Amino acid sequence: MAVVNQYKFYGKTTTAAESVDMLEPGVNETIIVRSLRVTNKSGSNTPTVTIKNNNFEIVNTQQLATATSVEILSLPLIVEGGTKLSYTTAGTVSDGVVFGISYLNILKERTD
């Protein structure tokens, strides 16, 4: 079995209240999230964001200050294979809320 380490980035801008699955590692993968940054591009709106790892709330309804970015994680976050890292936005997000994730994808490949 070979193990392949890949450093990756995921980015998404949302302009509507919605729920989205950001990362969904396969059963032979493990993801280690190093940075999860959220930016509110609006100068007047203060939307909220909820982030879940396998349906467990990592952030519960955090309000985003106007025209600012916030680093959600203070420690690395592990997303195991077969689970999902997702977000839900609420409130007015028409000017855009940006999610940026830097992570390590550990892929276990069979070589036999």
N, C-alpha and C. Protein backbone atom coordinates (compact mmCIF):
# COMPACT_ATOMS: atom_id res chain seq x y z
N MET A 1 0.84 -1.18 0.00
CA MET A 1 0.00 0.00 0.00
C MET A 1 0.89 1.24 0.00
N ALA A 2 0.59 2.16 -0.89
CA ALA A 2 1.32 3.41 -0.98
C ALA A 2 0.48 4.52 -0.34
N VAL A 3 1.16 5.47 0.25
CA VAL A 3 0.48 6.63 0.83
C VAL A 3 0.95 7.86 0.07
N VAL A 4 -0.01 8.63 -0.43
CA VAL A 4 0.29 9.83 -1.20
C VAL A 4 -0.21 11.04 -0.41
N ASN A 5 0.70 11.97 -0.14
CA ASN A 5 0.33 13.21 0.56
C ASN A 5 0.21 14.32 -0.47
N GLN A 6 -0.94 15.00 -0.49
CA GLN A 6 -1.18 16.10 -1.42
C GLN A 6 -1.65 17.31 -0.64
N TYR A 7 -0.95 18.44 -0.82
CA TYR A 7 -1.38 19.68 -0.21
C TYR A 7 -2.33 20.37 -1.18
N LYS A 8 -3.51 20.77 -0.69
CA LYS A 8 -4.53 21.31 -1.57
C LYS A 8 -5.18 22.55 -0.97
N PHE A 9 -5.95 23.24 -1.83
CA PHE A 9 -6.72 24.41 -1.41
C PHE A 9 -8.13 24.27 -1.96
N TYR A 10 -9.11 24.62 -1.15
CA TYR A 10 -10.51 24.67 -1.57
C TYR A 10 -11.00 26.07 -1.32
N GLY A 11 -11.65 26.66 -2.31
CA GLY A 11 -12.22 27.99 -2.13
C GLY A 11 -13.61 28.06 -2.73
N LYS A 12 -14.49 28.81 -2.07
CA LYS A 12 -15.86 28.98 -2.56
C LYS A 12 -16.39 30.31 -2.07
N THR A 13 -17.06 31.03 -2.98
CA THR A 13 -17.77 32.25 -2.63
C THR A 13 -19.26 31.96 -2.69
N THR A 14 -19.98 32.29 -1.65
CA THR A 14 -21.42 32.11 -1.64
C THR A 14 -22.09 33.47 -1.56
N THR A 15 -23.19 33.61 -2.30
CA THR A 15 -23.94 34.87 -2.30
C THR A 15 -25.41 34.64 -1.92
N ALA A 16 -25.68 33.49 -1.31
CA ALA A 16 -27.05 33.18 -0.87
C ALA A 16 -26.96 32.33 0.39
N ALA A 17 -28.00 32.40 1.21
CA ALA A 17 -28.05 31.53 2.39
C ALA A 17 -28.20 30.09 1.88
N GLU A 18 -27.28 29.22 2.29
CA GLU A 18 -27.28 27.85 1.77
C GLU A 18 -26.49 26.92 2.67
N SER A 19 -26.63 25.62 2.41
CA SER A 19 -25.82 24.59 3.07
C SER A 19 -25.04 23.87 1.98
N VAL A 20 -23.72 23.73 2.18
CA VAL A 20 -22.85 23.15 1.16
C VAL A 20 -21.85 22.19 1.81
N ASP A 21 -21.65 21.03 1.18
CA ASP A 21 -20.58 20.11 1.57
C ASP A 21 -19.29 20.59 0.92
N MET A 22 -18.31 20.98 1.73
CA MET A 22 -17.05 21.51 1.18
C MET A 22 -16.08 20.40 0.84
N LEU A 23 -15.80 19.53 1.79
CA LEU A 23 -14.84 18.45 1.57
C LEU A 23 -15.50 17.12 1.93
N GLU A 24 -15.31 16.12 1.07
CA GLU A 24 -15.85 14.79 1.30
C GLU A 24 -14.79 13.76 0.95
N PRO A 25 -13.88 13.46 1.86
CA PRO A 25 -12.84 12.49 1.53
C PRO A 25 -13.42 11.09 1.33
N GLY A 26 -12.81 10.36 0.40
CA GLY A 26 -13.20 8.97 0.17
C GLY A 26 -12.80 8.11 1.36
N VAL A 27 -13.28 6.87 1.37
CA VAL A 27 -13.00 5.99 2.51
C VAL A 27 -11.52 5.68 2.66
N ASN A 28 -10.73 5.84 1.58
CA ASN A 28 -9.30 5.58 1.65
C ASN A 28 -8.49 6.88 1.82
N GLU A 29 -9.16 7.95 2.25
CA GLU A 29 -8.51 9.25 2.43
C GLU A 29 -8.71 9.78 3.84
N THR A 30 -7.77 10.58 4.30
CA THR A 30 -7.91 11.37 5.52
C THR A 30 -7.46 12.77 5.19
N ILE A 31 -8.21 13.76 5.61
CA ILE A 31 -7.87 15.16 5.37
C ILE A 31 -7.52 15.82 6.69
N ILE A 32 -6.40 16.57 6.68
CA ILE A 32 -6.02 17.37 7.84
C ILE A 32 -6.11 18.83 7.41
N VAL A 33 -7.08 19.55 7.97
CA VAL A 33 -7.30 20.95 7.64
C VAL A 33 -6.37 21.79 8.51
N ARG A 34 -5.54 22.59 7.86
CA ARG A 34 -4.60 23.44 8.58
C ARG A 34 -5.18 24.85 8.80
N SER A 35 -5.94 25.33 7.80
CA SER A 35 -6.49 26.67 7.88
C SER A 35 -7.89 26.68 7.27
N LEU A 36 -8.82 27.29 7.97
CA LEU A 36 -10.18 27.48 7.48
C LEU A 36 -10.52 28.95 7.72
N ARG A 37 -10.46 29.73 6.66
CA ARG A 37 -10.64 31.18 6.75
C ARG A 37 -11.95 31.57 6.10
N VAL A 38 -12.71 32.44 6.77
CA VAL A 38 -13.99 32.92 6.26
C VAL A 38 -13.92 34.44 6.17
N THR A 39 -14.32 34.98 5.01
CA THR A 39 -14.29 36.42 4.78
C THR A 39 -15.68 36.93 4.44
N ASN A 40 -16.11 37.97 5.13
CA ASN A 40 -17.36 38.66 4.82
C ASN A 40 -16.99 39.86 3.95
N LYS A 41 -17.39 39.82 2.68
CA LYS A 41 -17.03 40.90 1.75
C LYS A 41 -17.92 42.12 1.87
N SER A 42 -18.99 42.03 2.62
CA SER A 42 -19.94 43.13 2.73
C SER A 42 -19.47 44.20 3.71
N GLY A 43 -19.77 45.46 3.38
CA GLY A 43 -19.48 46.55 4.28
C GLY A 43 -20.63 46.87 5.21
N SER A 44 -21.77 46.16 5.02
CA SER A 44 -22.93 46.49 5.85
C SER A 44 -23.65 45.27 6.42
N ASN A 45 -23.54 44.10 5.79
CA ASN A 45 -24.26 42.92 6.26
C ASN A 45 -23.43 42.11 7.25
N THR A 46 -24.09 41.46 8.19
CA THR A 46 -23.41 40.62 9.17
C THR A 46 -24.06 39.23 9.17
N PRO A 47 -23.74 38.40 8.17
CA PRO A 47 -24.31 37.06 8.10
C PRO A 47 -23.73 36.16 9.19
N THR A 48 -24.34 34.99 9.35
CA THR A 48 -23.81 34.00 10.28
C THR A 48 -23.37 32.77 9.52
N VAL A 49 -22.46 32.00 10.11
CA VAL A 49 -21.96 30.79 9.50
C VAL A 49 -21.91 29.68 10.56
N THR A 50 -22.30 28.49 10.15
CA THR A 50 -22.18 27.29 10.98
C THR A 50 -21.35 26.28 10.19
N ILE A 51 -20.36 25.68 10.83
CA ILE A 51 -19.49 24.71 10.16
C ILE A 51 -19.57 23.39 10.91
N LYS A 52 -19.76 22.30 10.15
CA LYS A 52 -19.91 20.97 10.75
C LYS A 52 -18.89 20.00 10.16
N ASN A 53 -18.36 19.14 11.03
CA ASN A 53 -17.49 18.03 10.64
C ASN A 53 -18.25 16.76 10.98
N ASN A 54 -18.73 16.05 9.95
CA ASN A 54 -19.50 14.82 10.16
C ASN A 54 -20.72 15.09 11.05
N ASN A 55 -21.41 16.18 10.78
CA ASN A 55 -22.62 16.61 11.51
C ASN A 55 -22.35 17.08 12.94
N PHE A 56 -21.09 17.18 13.36
CA PHE A 56 -20.77 17.75 14.66
C PHE A 56 -20.37 19.21 14.44
N GLU A 57 -21.00 20.12 15.16
CA GLU A 57 -20.76 21.54 14.96
C GLU A 57 -19.38 21.95 15.47
N ILE A 58 -18.57 22.46 14.55
CA ILE A 58 -17.27 23.02 14.90
C ILE A 58 -17.45 24.49 15.26
N VAL A 59 -18.31 25.16 14.49
CA VAL A 59 -18.69 26.56 14.74
C VAL A 59 -20.20 26.61 14.68
N ASN A 60 -20.83 27.16 15.71
CA ASN A 60 -22.29 27.23 15.74
C ASN A 60 -22.74 28.68 15.63
N THR A 61 -23.27 29.03 14.48
CA THR A 61 -23.89 30.32 14.23
C THR A 61 -22.99 31.49 14.64
N GLN A 62 -21.78 31.53 14.10
CA GLN A 62 -20.87 32.64 14.37
C GLN A 62 -21.21 33.80 13.45
N GLN A 63 -21.39 34.97 14.04
CA GLN A 63 -21.68 36.16 13.25
C GLN A 63 -20.38 36.70 12.68
N LEU A 64 -20.41 37.06 11.40
CA LEU A 64 -19.23 37.60 10.72
C LEU A 64 -19.31 39.12 10.69
N ALA A 65 -18.31 39.78 11.24
CA ALA A 65 -18.28 41.24 11.23
C ALA A 65 -18.14 41.74 9.79
N THR A 66 -18.57 42.98 9.55
CA THR A 66 -18.53 43.54 8.21
C THR A 66 -17.10 43.69 7.71
N ALA A 67 -16.91 43.35 6.44
CA ALA A 67 -15.63 43.57 5.72
C ALA A 67 -14.42 43.04 6.48
N THR A 68 -14.53 41.83 7.03
CA THR A 68 -13.41 41.24 7.76
C THR A 68 -13.25 39.77 7.42
N SER A 69 -12.09 39.24 7.78
CA SER A 69 -11.80 37.81 7.66
C SER A 69 -11.54 37.25 9.04
N VAL A 70 -11.89 35.98 9.22
CA VAL A 70 -11.64 35.34 10.51
C VAL A 70 -11.09 33.94 10.25
N GLU A 71 -10.06 33.56 11.00
CA GLU A 71 -9.51 32.20 10.96
C GLU A 71 -10.32 31.38 11.94
N ILE A 72 -10.99 30.36 11.46
CA ILE A 72 -11.89 29.56 12.29
C ILE A 72 -11.12 28.61 13.20
N LEU A 73 -10.02 28.04 12.71
CA LEU A 73 -9.30 27.01 13.47
C LEU A 73 -8.12 27.57 14.23
N SER A 74 -7.93 27.09 15.44
CA SER A 74 -6.70 27.40 16.18
C SER A 74 -5.79 26.17 16.22
N LEU A 75 -6.35 25.00 15.91
CA LEU A 75 -5.60 23.74 15.83
C LEU A 75 -6.04 23.01 14.57
N PRO A 76 -5.22 22.09 14.06
CA PRO A 76 -5.64 21.32 12.87
C PRO A 76 -6.92 20.52 13.14
N LEU A 77 -7.68 20.30 12.07
CA LEU A 77 -8.94 19.58 12.12
C LEU A 77 -8.85 18.36 11.22
N ILE A 78 -9.19 17.19 11.73
CA ILE A 78 -9.14 15.96 10.94
C ILE A 78 -10.54 15.64 10.42
N VAL A 79 -10.61 15.38 9.11
CA VAL A 79 -11.84 14.95 8.47
C VAL A 79 -11.58 13.54 7.95
N GLU A 80 -12.22 12.56 8.57
CA GLU A 80 -11.97 11.17 8.23
C GLU A 80 -12.70 10.77 6.95
N GLY A 81 -12.18 9.74 6.30
CA GLY A 81 -12.78 9.22 5.09
C GLY A 81 -14.23 8.81 5.30
N GLY A 82 -15.07 9.09 4.31
CA GLY A 82 -16.48 8.74 4.40
C GLY A 82 -17.32 9.74 5.17
N THR A 83 -16.74 10.89 5.58
CA THR A 83 -17.48 11.92 6.29
C THR A 83 -17.46 13.21 5.47
N LYS A 84 -18.09 14.27 5.99
CA LYS A 84 -18.18 15.53 5.25
C LYS A 84 -17.86 16.71 6.15
N LEU A 85 -17.19 17.70 5.58
CA LEU A 85 -17.01 19.00 6.20
C LEU A 85 -17.94 19.95 5.45
N SER A 86 -18.89 20.58 6.16
CA SER A 86 -19.90 21.39 5.49
C SER A 86 -20.10 22.72 6.20
N TYR A 87 -20.75 23.64 5.50
CA TYR A 87 -21.09 24.92 6.10
C TYR A 87 -22.54 25.28 5.79
N THR A 88 -23.10 26.13 6.64
CA THR A 88 -24.42 26.71 6.41
C THR A 88 -24.30 28.21 6.65
N THR A 89 -24.77 29.00 5.70
CA THR A 89 -24.80 30.45 5.88
C THR A 89 -26.24 30.88 6.09
N ALA A 90 -26.41 31.96 6.85
CA ALA A 90 -27.74 32.52 7.10
C ALA A 90 -27.63 34.03 7.15
N GLY A 91 -28.74 34.69 6.97
CA GLY A 91 -28.75 36.15 6.95
C GLY A 91 -28.47 36.64 5.54
N THR A 92 -28.14 37.91 5.40
CA THR A 92 -27.88 38.50 4.09
C THR A 92 -26.43 38.30 3.71
N VAL A 93 -26.21 37.57 2.63
CA VAL A 93 -24.85 37.28 2.16
C VAL A 93 -24.69 37.68 0.69
N SER A 94 -25.52 38.59 0.20
CA SER A 94 -25.54 38.93 -1.22
C SER A 94 -24.23 39.54 -1.73
N ASP A 95 -23.46 40.19 -0.86
CA ASP A 95 -22.16 40.74 -1.28
C ASP A 95 -21.07 39.68 -1.30
N GLY A 96 -21.34 38.53 -0.72
CA GLY A 96 -20.39 37.42 -0.77
C GLY A 96 -19.73 37.10 0.54
N VAL A 97 -19.72 35.82 0.85
CA VAL A 97 -18.94 35.27 1.95
C VAL A 97 -18.00 34.24 1.31
N VAL A 98 -16.72 34.36 1.60
CA VAL A 98 -15.70 33.52 0.97
C VAL A 98 -15.15 32.53 1.99
N PHE A 99 -15.10 31.26 1.60
CA PHE A 99 -14.50 30.21 2.41
C PHE A 99 -13.20 29.78 1.75
N GLY A 100 -12.13 29.70 2.51
CA GLY A 100 -10.84 29.23 2.01
C GLY A 100 -10.27 28.19 2.95
N ILE A 101 -9.92 27.02 2.40
CA ILE A 101 -9.41 25.93 3.22
C ILE A 101 -8.08 25.45 2.64
N SER A 102 -7.04 25.43 3.47
CA SER A 102 -5.77 24.82 3.11
C SER A 102 -5.68 23.51 3.88
N TYR A 103 -5.39 22.41 3.15
CA TYR A 103 -5.41 21.11 3.80
C TYR A 103 -4.44 20.12 3.19
N LEU A 104 -4.16 19.09 3.95
CA LEU A 104 -3.35 17.96 3.51
C LEU A 104 -4.28 16.79 3.28
N ASN A 105 -4.23 16.24 2.07
CA ASN A 105 -5.02 15.05 1.74
C ASN A 105 -4.09 13.85 1.77
N ILE A 106 -4.37 12.90 2.65
CA ILE A 106 -3.58 11.67 2.76
C ILE A 106 -4.38 10.56 2.09
N LEU A 107 -3.86 10.08 0.97
CA LEU A 107 -4.54 9.07 0.17
C LEU A 107 -3.79 7.75 0.29
N LYS A 108 -4.50 6.72 0.70
CA LYS A 108 -3.90 5.38 0.81
C LYS A 108 -4.29 4.59 -0.45
N GLU A 109 -3.29 4.26 -1.27
CA GLU A 109 -3.54 3.54 -2.52
C GLU A 109 -3.04 2.11 -2.41
N ARG A 110 -3.81 1.19 -2.95
CA ARG A 110 -3.39 -0.20 -3.03
C ARG A 110 -2.49 -0.36 -4.25
N THR A 111 -1.39 -1.01 -4.07
CA THR A 111 -0.44 -1.20 -5.17
C THR A 111 -0.29 -2.68 -5.55
N ASP A 112 -1.07 -3.57 -4.97
CA ASP A 112 -0.93 -5.00 -5.29
C ASP A 112 -2.01 -5.47 -6.21
